N, C-alpha and C. Protein backbone atom coordinates (compact mmCIF):
# COMPACT_ATOMS: atom_id res chain seq x y z
N MET A 1 99.78 -80.12 5.16
CA MET A 1 99.11 -80.12 4.27
C MET A 1 97.65 -79.30 4.50
N ALA A 2 96.88 -78.68 3.74
CA ALA A 2 95.94 -77.99 4.13
C ALA A 2 94.65 -78.75 4.51
N LYS A 3 93.78 -78.24 5.17
CA LYS A 3 92.50 -78.92 5.54
C LYS A 3 91.61 -78.76 4.58
N LYS A 4 90.66 -79.70 4.22
CA LYS A 4 89.63 -79.50 3.12
C LYS A 4 88.26 -79.30 4.06
N THR A 5 87.68 -78.14 3.83
CA THR A 5 86.54 -77.86 4.63
C THR A 5 85.30 -77.45 3.91
N LYS A 6 84.15 -77.67 4.29
CA LYS A 6 82.89 -77.57 3.59
C LYS A 6 82.81 -75.98 3.74
N GLY A 7 83.01 -75.55 2.55
CA GLY A 7 83.01 -73.89 2.35
C GLY A 7 81.12 -73.52 1.99
N ALA A 8 81.07 -72.22 1.99
CA ALA A 8 79.80 -71.74 1.63
C ALA A 8 79.56 -71.59 0.18
N ARG A 9 80.80 -71.75 -0.59
CA ARG A 9 80.66 -71.53 -1.92
C ARG A 9 79.89 -72.84 -2.75
N ILE A 10 78.91 -72.88 -3.47
CA ILE A 10 78.53 -73.96 -4.33
C ILE A 10 78.49 -73.74 -5.79
N GLN A 11 78.49 -74.81 -6.53
CA GLN A 11 78.38 -74.47 -8.07
C GLN A 11 77.05 -74.62 -8.56
N VAL A 12 76.48 -73.53 -9.46
CA VAL A 12 75.25 -73.43 -9.81
C VAL A 12 75.24 -73.35 -11.54
N ILE A 13 74.16 -73.71 -12.21
CA ILE A 13 74.01 -73.60 -13.58
C ILE A 13 73.08 -72.47 -13.87
N LEU A 14 73.71 -71.50 -14.74
CA LEU A 14 72.85 -70.61 -15.38
C LEU A 14 72.32 -71.00 -16.66
N GLU A 15 70.84 -70.58 -16.94
CA GLU A 15 70.43 -70.99 -18.14
C GLU A 15 69.73 -69.77 -18.72
N CYS A 16 69.74 -69.52 -20.11
CA CYS A 16 69.22 -68.29 -20.84
C CYS A 16 67.63 -68.48 -20.62
N THR A 17 67.11 -67.31 -19.96
CA THR A 17 65.69 -67.37 -20.02
C THR A 17 64.88 -66.92 -21.23
N GLU A 18 65.50 -65.89 -22.16
CA GLU A 18 64.96 -65.58 -23.51
C GLU A 18 65.05 -66.60 -24.65
N HIS A 19 66.03 -67.50 -24.42
CA HIS A 19 66.35 -68.67 -25.35
C HIS A 19 65.19 -69.46 -25.06
N LYS A 20 64.87 -69.84 -23.78
CA LYS A 20 64.06 -70.87 -23.32
C LYS A 20 62.42 -70.39 -23.94
N ASN A 21 62.16 -69.26 -23.80
CA ASN A 21 60.87 -68.56 -24.31
C ASN A 21 60.59 -68.61 -25.62
N SER A 22 61.89 -68.39 -26.48
CA SER A 22 61.72 -68.23 -28.05
C SER A 22 61.39 -69.70 -28.71
N GLY A 23 61.64 -70.71 -28.10
CA GLY A 23 61.28 -71.96 -28.81
C GLY A 23 62.27 -72.39 -29.83
N LEU A 24 63.44 -71.82 -29.74
CA LEU A 24 64.52 -72.16 -30.66
C LEU A 24 65.11 -73.45 -30.25
N PRO A 25 65.68 -74.51 -30.78
CA PRO A 25 66.28 -75.58 -30.45
C PRO A 25 67.77 -75.35 -29.63
N GLY A 26 67.99 -76.14 -29.00
CA GLY A 26 69.43 -75.86 -28.36
C GLY A 26 69.14 -74.94 -26.87
N THR A 27 70.18 -75.04 -26.14
CA THR A 27 70.12 -74.30 -24.83
C THR A 27 71.52 -73.45 -24.67
N SER A 28 71.44 -72.33 -23.88
CA SER A 28 72.68 -71.68 -23.54
C SER A 28 72.76 -71.79 -21.98
N ARG A 29 73.90 -72.30 -21.62
CA ARG A 29 73.92 -72.73 -20.08
C ARG A 29 75.43 -72.36 -19.76
N TYR A 30 75.70 -71.91 -18.76
CA TYR A 30 77.02 -71.36 -18.17
C TYR A 30 77.13 -72.08 -16.59
N ILE A 31 78.25 -72.41 -16.27
CA ILE A 31 78.51 -73.12 -14.84
C ILE A 31 79.27 -72.09 -14.08
N THR A 32 78.92 -71.70 -12.72
CA THR A 32 79.62 -70.65 -12.13
C THR A 32 79.68 -71.08 -10.71
N THR A 33 80.01 -70.25 -9.88
CA THR A 33 79.96 -70.61 -8.26
C THR A 33 79.38 -69.42 -7.70
N LYS A 34 78.72 -69.65 -6.49
CA LYS A 34 78.27 -68.37 -5.53
C LYS A 34 78.36 -68.92 -4.11
N ASN A 35 78.39 -67.81 -3.34
CA ASN A 35 78.19 -67.95 -1.87
C ASN A 35 77.03 -68.05 -1.43
N LYS A 36 76.63 -69.19 -1.12
CA LYS A 36 75.14 -69.29 -0.61
C LYS A 36 74.76 -68.63 0.68
N LYS A 37 75.72 -68.17 1.50
CA LYS A 37 75.55 -67.40 2.60
C LYS A 37 75.16 -66.03 2.33
N ASN A 38 76.01 -65.37 1.26
CA ASN A 38 76.02 -64.00 1.00
C ASN A 38 74.71 -63.87 0.06
N SER A 39 74.54 -64.80 -0.74
CA SER A 39 73.31 -64.63 -1.87
C SER A 39 72.54 -65.87 -1.85
N PRO A 40 71.58 -66.10 -0.91
CA PRO A 40 70.80 -67.28 -1.05
C PRO A 40 69.80 -67.09 -2.16
N GLU A 41 69.32 -66.06 -2.58
CA GLU A 41 68.39 -66.19 -3.70
C GLU A 41 68.96 -66.56 -4.92
N ARG A 42 68.11 -66.71 -5.94
CA ARG A 42 68.62 -67.15 -7.22
C ARG A 42 69.56 -66.21 -8.06
N LEU A 43 70.55 -66.58 -8.53
CA LEU A 43 71.64 -65.71 -9.15
C LEU A 43 71.11 -65.38 -10.59
N GLU A 44 71.26 -64.13 -11.07
CA GLU A 44 71.00 -63.76 -12.19
C GLU A 44 71.93 -62.81 -12.91
N LEU A 45 72.44 -63.33 -14.08
CA LEU A 45 73.52 -62.49 -14.57
C LEU A 45 73.15 -62.17 -16.25
N LYS A 46 73.91 -61.20 -16.72
CA LYS A 46 73.79 -61.06 -18.38
C LYS A 46 75.04 -61.79 -18.99
N LYS A 47 74.68 -62.83 -19.75
CA LYS A 47 75.89 -63.59 -20.39
C LYS A 47 75.47 -63.55 -21.76
N TYR A 48 76.74 -63.99 -22.67
CA TYR A 48 76.35 -64.04 -24.02
C TYR A 48 75.88 -65.22 -24.46
N ASN A 49 74.75 -65.24 -25.21
CA ASN A 49 74.25 -66.40 -26.03
C ASN A 49 74.56 -66.71 -27.30
N PRO A 50 75.36 -67.50 -27.42
CA PRO A 50 75.96 -68.04 -28.78
C PRO A 50 74.97 -68.28 -30.09
N ILE A 51 73.99 -68.92 -29.56
CA ILE A 51 72.94 -69.34 -30.55
C ILE A 51 71.93 -68.19 -30.87
N MET A 52 71.69 -66.98 -30.06
CA MET A 52 70.94 -65.97 -30.45
C MET A 52 71.85 -64.74 -30.90
N LYS A 53 72.93 -65.02 -30.51
CA LYS A 53 74.25 -64.08 -30.94
C LYS A 53 74.07 -62.58 -30.28
N LYS A 54 73.49 -62.56 -28.89
CA LYS A 54 73.43 -61.28 -28.22
C LYS A 54 73.70 -61.87 -26.74
N MET A 55 73.68 -60.60 -26.05
CA MET A 55 73.70 -60.61 -24.44
C MET A 55 72.18 -60.70 -24.10
N THR A 56 71.97 -61.74 -23.20
CA THR A 56 70.63 -62.12 -22.59
C THR A 56 70.86 -62.43 -21.26
N VAL A 57 69.89 -62.34 -20.40
CA VAL A 57 69.60 -62.67 -18.86
C VAL A 57 69.66 -64.16 -18.69
N HIS A 58 70.78 -64.74 -18.07
CA HIS A 58 70.74 -66.06 -17.53
C HIS A 58 70.54 -66.25 -16.08
N ARG A 59 69.54 -67.19 -15.80
CA ARG A 59 69.02 -67.52 -14.45
C ARG A 59 69.37 -68.88 -13.86
N GLU A 60 69.74 -68.97 -12.49
CA GLU A 60 70.13 -69.83 -11.99
C GLU A 60 69.06 -71.05 -11.86
N ILE A 61 69.39 -72.30 -12.26
CA ILE A 61 68.36 -73.39 -12.37
C ILE A 61 68.75 -74.35 -11.20
N LYS A 62 67.96 -75.16 -10.76
CA LYS A 62 67.98 -76.33 -9.72
C LYS A 62 68.74 -77.32 -10.49
């Protein structure tokens, strides 16, 4: 049986920055994983926002 080890990968939540500033109701959030040793800074990706119906920048939240 394989050993379970505490890896460097953690689960993070990405939230849309443009939607947050627009004042529209609702939120666009995605869940992903990142390696905290290789990228200790906050993750920032372009993802699709279904409420605004366009690609927007999603930033990691705590």
